[in-house]
Amino acid sequence: MTELLNTLKALSDETRLSLVKLLLQHNYCVGALSKQLNISKSAVSQHLKILRVAEIVKGEKRGYYTHYFVNRELLKDTASKIVELSNLDPAGKGCTKKMSDGKTCCSKEDLN
């Protein structure tokens, strides 16, 4: 579950999501990504660091430059885990206790 959370947190930023979309189409270096997104190279580097730590992107040194690409297997695994979550059956009986205002409310003990 931790890996899923780390991946989703890293992808929750609009700029990082844009970087991933670009890198899914083509491998790029920091300079090219900077031009594509019209942001500074240092901003791109900071976002790539977060994506690298989450293992969403990887870098490959080519001479002086590092070209980045997406770890597609991780994205597929993340998508699969989200589909699994959407297919979970509800457990327990849920909240059935009626309050005076007509809403339902229950304690943890009531859910078991």
N, C-alpha and C. Protein backbone atom coordinates (compact mmCIF):
# COMPACT_ATOMS: atom_id res chain seq x y z
N MET A 1 0.82 -1.19 0.00
CA MET A 1 0.00 0.00 0.00
C MET A 1 0.87 1.26 0.00
N THR A 2 2.05 1.20 0.66
CA THR A 2 2.94 2.35 0.72
C THR A 2 3.41 2.76 -0.67
N GLU A 3 3.74 1.77 -1.50
CA GLU A 3 4.19 2.08 -2.86
C GLU A 3 3.08 2.78 -3.64
N LEU A 4 1.86 2.32 -3.51
CA LEU A 4 0.73 2.94 -4.18
C LEU A 4 0.57 4.39 -3.72
N LEU A 5 0.64 4.62 -2.42
CA LEU A 5 0.51 5.98 -1.89
C LEU A 5 1.63 6.89 -2.40
N ASN A 6 2.86 6.38 -2.40
CA ASN A 6 3.99 7.17 -2.89
C ASN A 6 3.82 7.53 -4.36
N THR A 7 3.36 6.58 -5.14
CA THR A 7 3.14 6.83 -6.57
C THR A 7 2.05 7.87 -6.78
N LEU A 8 0.95 7.71 -6.09
CA LEU A 8 -0.17 8.66 -6.25
C LEU A 8 0.20 10.06 -5.76
N LYS A 9 0.96 10.14 -4.67
CA LYS A 9 1.41 11.46 -4.18
C LYS A 9 2.30 12.13 -5.21
N ALA A 10 3.22 11.37 -5.79
CA ALA A 10 4.13 11.95 -6.78
C ALA A 10 3.38 12.41 -8.02
N LEU A 11 2.33 11.71 -8.39
CA LEU A 11 1.55 12.07 -9.58
C LEU A 11 0.49 13.14 -9.31
N SER A 12 0.31 13.52 -8.06
CA SER A 12 -0.78 14.45 -7.72
C SER A 12 -0.49 15.90 -8.07
N ASP A 13 0.72 16.19 -8.52
CA ASP A 13 1.07 17.55 -8.94
C ASP A 13 0.90 17.69 -10.45
N GLU A 14 0.29 18.78 -10.88
CA GLU A 14 -0.01 18.98 -12.31
C GLU A 14 1.25 18.99 -13.17
N THR A 15 2.31 19.63 -12.69
CA THR A 15 3.56 19.69 -13.46
C THR A 15 4.18 18.31 -13.58
N ARG A 16 4.20 17.56 -12.48
CA ARG A 16 4.77 16.21 -12.55
C ARG A 16 3.95 15.30 -13.45
N LEU A 17 2.65 15.45 -13.42
CA LEU A 17 1.81 14.66 -14.32
C LEU A 17 2.09 15.03 -15.77
N SER A 18 2.31 16.31 -16.04
CA SER A 18 2.66 16.76 -17.40
C SER A 18 4.00 16.18 -17.82
N LEU A 19 4.96 16.13 -16.90
CA LEU A 19 6.26 15.53 -17.21
C LEU A 19 6.10 14.07 -17.58
N VAL A 20 5.31 13.35 -16.81
CA VAL A 20 5.09 11.92 -17.09
C VAL A 20 4.43 11.75 -18.46
N LYS A 21 3.44 12.57 -18.77
CA LYS A 21 2.77 12.48 -20.08
C LYS A 21 3.77 12.69 -21.21
N LEU A 22 4.65 13.69 -21.07
CA LEU A 22 5.67 13.93 -22.09
C LEU A 22 6.62 12.75 -22.20
N LEU A 23 7.05 12.23 -21.05
CA LEU A 23 8.01 11.14 -21.05
C LEU A 23 7.41 9.82 -21.52
N LEU A 24 6.11 9.70 -21.49
CA LEU A 24 5.47 8.51 -22.06
C LEU A 24 5.55 8.52 -23.58
N GLN A 25 5.67 9.70 -24.16
CA GLN A 25 5.73 9.84 -25.61
C GLN A 25 7.15 9.77 -26.15
N HIS A 26 8.13 10.21 -25.33
CA HIS A 26 9.50 10.32 -25.81
C HIS A 26 10.43 10.47 -24.62
N ASN A 27 11.65 9.98 -24.72
CA ASN A 27 12.66 10.21 -23.69
C ASN A 27 13.21 11.62 -23.87
N TYR A 28 13.35 12.36 -22.78
CA TYR A 28 13.84 13.73 -22.85
C TYR A 28 14.89 13.98 -21.78
N CYS A 29 15.75 14.98 -22.03
CA CYS A 29 16.67 15.48 -21.01
C CYS A 29 15.99 16.67 -20.32
N VAL A 30 16.60 17.16 -19.24
CA VAL A 30 16.02 18.25 -18.47
C VAL A 30 15.78 19.49 -19.32
N GLY A 31 16.75 19.83 -20.17
CA GLY A 31 16.63 21.03 -21.00
C GLY A 31 15.43 20.96 -21.94
N ALA A 32 15.24 19.82 -22.56
CA ALA A 32 14.11 19.65 -23.48
C ALA A 32 12.78 19.70 -22.73
N LEU A 33 12.73 19.09 -21.56
CA LEU A 33 11.50 19.14 -20.75
C LEU A 33 11.20 20.56 -20.31
N SER A 34 12.26 21.29 -19.97
CA SER A 34 12.11 22.69 -19.56
C SER A 34 11.48 23.51 -20.68
N LYS A 35 11.95 23.31 -21.89
CA LYS A 35 11.40 24.04 -23.05
C LYS A 35 9.97 23.62 -23.34
N GLN A 36 9.70 22.32 -23.25
CA GLN A 36 8.35 21.81 -23.54
C GLN A 36 7.31 22.38 -22.58
N LEU A 37 7.68 22.50 -21.30
CA LEU A 37 6.73 22.94 -20.28
C LEU A 37 6.86 24.43 -19.94
N ASN A 38 7.87 25.07 -20.53
CA ASN A 38 8.11 26.50 -20.30
C ASN A 38 8.32 26.80 -18.81
N ILE A 39 9.12 25.95 -18.16
CA ILE A 39 9.52 26.19 -16.77
C ILE A 39 11.04 26.05 -16.68
N SER A 40 11.62 26.50 -15.59
CA SER A 40 13.08 26.48 -15.46
C SER A 40 13.62 25.05 -15.36
N LYS A 41 14.90 24.91 -15.71
CA LYS A 41 15.55 23.61 -15.61
C LYS A 41 15.59 23.14 -14.15
N SER A 42 15.80 24.08 -13.24
CA SER A 42 15.84 23.69 -11.82
C SER A 42 14.48 23.18 -11.34
N ALA A 43 13.40 23.78 -11.83
CA ALA A 43 12.06 23.30 -11.46
C ALA A 43 11.84 21.89 -12.01
N VAL A 44 12.25 21.68 -13.26
CA VAL A 44 12.13 20.34 -13.86
C VAL A 44 12.93 19.33 -13.03
N SER A 45 14.15 19.70 -12.66
CA SER A 45 15.00 18.79 -11.88
C SER A 45 14.37 18.44 -10.54
N GLN A 46 13.76 19.42 -9.88
CA GLN A 46 13.11 19.16 -8.59
C GLN A 46 11.93 18.20 -8.75
N HIS A 47 11.15 18.40 -9.79
CA HIS A 47 10.01 17.51 -10.04
C HIS A 47 10.49 16.11 -10.43
N LEU A 48 11.53 16.04 -11.24
CA LEU A 48 12.07 14.73 -11.64
C LEU A 48 12.63 13.97 -10.43
N LYS A 49 13.21 14.70 -9.49
CA LYS A 49 13.73 14.05 -8.28
C LYS A 49 12.61 13.33 -7.54
N ILE A 50 11.47 13.99 -7.40
CA ILE A 50 10.32 13.38 -6.72
C ILE A 50 9.83 12.16 -7.49
N LEU A 51 9.78 12.28 -8.81
CA LEU A 51 9.34 11.16 -9.66
C LEU A 51 10.35 10.01 -9.62
N ARG A 52 11.64 10.33 -9.53
CA ARG A 52 12.67 9.28 -9.44
C ARG A 52 12.59 8.55 -8.10
N VAL A 53 12.42 9.31 -7.01
CA VAL A 53 12.32 8.69 -5.69
C VAL A 53 11.13 7.74 -5.64
N ALA A 54 10.04 8.12 -6.29
CA ALA A 54 8.84 7.26 -6.35
C ALA A 54 8.99 6.16 -7.40
N GLU A 55 10.13 6.15 -8.09
CA GLU A 55 10.46 5.16 -9.13
C GLU A 55 9.53 5.22 -10.33
N ILE A 56 8.90 6.37 -10.56
CA ILE A 56 8.02 6.54 -11.71
C ILE A 56 8.85 6.82 -12.96
N VAL A 57 9.93 7.56 -12.80
CA VAL A 57 10.83 7.81 -13.92
C VAL A 57 12.23 7.32 -13.56
N LYS A 58 12.97 7.00 -14.60
CA LYS A 58 14.36 6.58 -14.45
C LYS A 58 15.19 7.39 -15.44
N GLY A 59 16.46 7.51 -15.15
CA GLY A 59 17.35 8.25 -16.02
C GLY A 59 18.42 7.36 -16.61
N GLU A 60 18.82 7.70 -17.83
CA GLU A 60 19.89 6.97 -18.51
C GLU A 60 20.90 7.99 -19.02
N LYS A 61 22.13 7.88 -18.55
CA LYS A 61 23.18 8.82 -18.94
C LYS A 61 23.57 8.58 -20.39
N ARG A 62 23.53 9.66 -21.18
CA ARG A 62 23.96 9.61 -22.58
C ARG A 62 24.95 10.75 -22.80
N GLY A 63 26.23 10.45 -22.64
CA GLY A 63 27.24 11.49 -22.73
C GLY A 63 27.09 12.44 -21.55
N TYR A 64 26.97 13.72 -21.84
CA TYR A 64 26.86 14.74 -20.80
C TYR A 64 25.47 14.80 -20.20
N TYR A 65 24.46 14.39 -20.95
CA TYR A 65 23.06 14.54 -20.53
C TYR A 65 22.48 13.23 -19.99
N THR A 66 21.48 13.38 -19.14
CA THR A 66 20.69 12.25 -18.67
C THR A 66 19.33 12.34 -19.34
N HIS A 67 18.94 11.27 -20.00
CA HIS A 67 17.63 11.21 -20.64
C HIS A 67 16.70 10.40 -19.74
N TYR A 68 15.51 10.93 -19.54
CA TYR A 68 14.56 10.32 -18.62
C TYR A 68 13.46 9.58 -19.37
N PHE A 69 12.97 8.52 -18.74
CA PHE A 69 11.89 7.72 -19.32
C PHE A 69 11.01 7.20 -18.19
N VAL A 70 9.80 6.80 -18.53
CA VAL A 70 8.82 6.35 -17.54
C VAL A 70 8.96 4.86 -17.27
N ASN A 71 8.83 4.50 -16.02
CA ASN A 71 8.78 3.11 -15.60
C ASN A 71 7.34 2.63 -15.84
N ARG A 72 7.09 2.16 -17.03
CA ARG A 72 5.73 1.78 -17.44
C ARG A 72 5.15 0.65 -16.59
N GLU A 73 6.00 -0.26 -16.16
CA GLU A 73 5.52 -1.38 -15.33
C GLU A 73 4.94 -0.87 -14.02
N LEU A 74 5.58 0.14 -13.43
CA LEU A 74 5.06 0.70 -12.19
C LEU A 74 3.71 1.36 -12.43
N LEU A 75 3.57 2.09 -13.53
CA LEU A 75 2.28 2.72 -13.84
C LEU A 75 1.19 1.67 -14.06
N LYS A 76 1.54 0.59 -14.76
CA LYS A 76 0.56 -0.48 -14.98
C LYS A 76 0.16 -1.13 -13.66
N ASP A 77 1.15 -1.35 -12.80
CA ASP A 77 0.88 -1.95 -11.49
C ASP A 77 -0.01 -1.02 -10.65
N THR A 78 0.26 0.27 -10.70
CA THR A 78 -0.56 1.25 -9.97
C THR A 78 -1.99 1.24 -10.48
N ALA A 79 -2.15 1.24 -11.79
CA ALA A 79 -3.50 1.20 -12.38
C ALA A 79 -4.23 -0.06 -11.96
N SER A 80 -3.52 -1.18 -11.94
CA SER A 80 -4.12 -2.45 -11.54
C SER A 80 -4.59 -2.41 -10.08
N LYS A 81 -3.79 -1.80 -9.21
CA LYS A 81 -4.16 -1.69 -7.80
C LYS A 81 -5.39 -0.80 -7.62
N ILE A 82 -5.50 0.24 -8.41
CA ILE A 82 -6.67 1.12 -8.33
C ILE A 82 -7.91 0.37 -8.79
N VAL A 83 -7.78 -0.43 -9.84
CA VAL A 83 -8.92 -1.24 -10.31
C VAL A 83 -9.32 -2.23 -9.23
N GLU A 84 -8.33 -2.85 -8.56
CA GLU A 84 -8.62 -3.78 -7.46
C GLU A 84 -9.42 -3.08 -6.37
N LEU A 85 -9.03 -1.86 -6.02
CA LEU A 85 -9.75 -1.11 -4.99
C LEU A 85 -11.19 -0.85 -5.40
N SER A 86 -11.39 -0.54 -6.66
CA SER A 86 -12.75 -0.23 -7.12
C SER A 86 -13.64 -1.47 -7.14
N ASN A 87 -13.02 -2.65 -7.13
CA ASN A 87 -13.78 -3.90 -7.16
C ASN A 87 -14.02 -4.50 -5.77
N LEU A 88 -13.54 -3.84 -4.72
CA LEU A 88 -13.73 -4.37 -3.37
C LEU A 88 -15.21 -4.36 -3.00
N ASP A 89 -15.63 -5.44 -2.35
CA ASP A 89 -17.01 -5.52 -1.86
C ASP A 89 -17.09 -4.79 -0.53
N PRO A 90 -18.18 -4.11 -0.26
CA PRO A 90 -18.33 -3.45 1.03
C PRO A 90 -18.31 -4.48 2.15
N ALA A 91 -17.57 -4.18 3.21
CA ALA A 91 -17.49 -5.09 4.35
C ALA A 91 -18.30 -4.51 5.50
N GLY A 92 -18.86 -5.38 6.30
CA GLY A 92 -19.63 -4.91 7.45
C GLY A 92 -21.01 -4.42 7.04
N LYS A 93 -21.73 -3.96 8.02
CA LYS A 93 -23.11 -3.54 7.75
C LYS A 93 -23.25 -2.04 7.56
N GLY A 94 -22.16 -1.28 7.81
CA GLY A 94 -22.22 0.16 7.63
C GLY A 94 -23.02 0.84 8.73
N CYS A 95 -23.27 2.10 8.56
CA CYS A 95 -24.01 2.89 9.56
C CYS A 95 -25.50 2.72 9.36
N THR A 96 -26.17 2.27 10.41
CA THR A 96 -27.62 2.10 10.34
C THR A 96 -28.33 2.79 11.50
N LYS A 97 -27.57 3.25 12.48
CA LYS A 97 -28.15 3.89 13.66
C LYS A 97 -28.69 5.27 13.27
N LYS A 98 -29.97 5.49 13.51
CA LYS A 98 -30.60 6.77 13.17
C LYS A 98 -30.40 7.76 14.32
N MET A 99 -30.01 8.96 13.97
CA MET A 99 -29.85 10.04 14.94
C MET A 99 -31.14 10.85 14.99
N SER A 100 -31.24 11.74 15.96
CA SER A 100 -32.46 12.55 16.10
C SER A 100 -32.70 13.45 14.89
N ASP A 101 -31.62 13.82 14.19
CA ASP A 101 -31.78 14.68 13.01
C ASP A 101 -32.06 13.87 11.74
N GLY A 102 -32.21 12.55 11.87
CA GLY A 102 -32.53 11.71 10.74
C GLY A 102 -31.32 11.15 10.01
N LYS A 103 -30.13 11.62 10.35
CA LYS A 103 -28.91 11.12 9.71
C LYS A 103 -28.48 9.83 10.39
N THR A 104 -27.63 9.07 9.71
CA THR A 104 -27.11 7.85 10.32
C THR A 104 -25.72 8.12 10.87
N CYS A 105 -25.41 7.47 11.97
CA CYS A 105 -24.11 7.62 12.60
C CYS A 105 -23.84 6.36 13.41
N CYS A 106 -22.59 5.97 13.50
CA CYS A 106 -22.27 4.79 14.29
C CYS A 106 -20.84 4.87 14.78
N SER A 107 -20.53 4.06 15.76
CA SER A 107 -19.18 3.97 16.29
C SER A 107 -18.45 2.82 15.59
N LYS A 108 -17.15 2.71 15.87
CA LYS A 108 -16.38 1.60 15.30
C LYS A 108 -16.97 0.25 15.69
N GLU A 109 -17.41 0.15 16.93
CA GLU A 109 -17.97 -1.12 17.42
C GLU A 109 -19.23 -1.50 16.65
N ASP A 110 -20.01 -0.50 16.25
CA ASP A 110 -21.24 -0.78 15.51
C ASP A 110 -20.96 -1.35 14.13
N LEU A 111 -19.78 -1.08 13.59
CA LEU A 111 -19.45 -1.53 12.23
C LEU A 111 -19.04 -2.99 12.19
N ASN A 112 -18.67 -3.56 13.30
CA ASN A 112 -18.21 -4.96 13.32
C ASN A 112 -19.34 -5.94 13.46
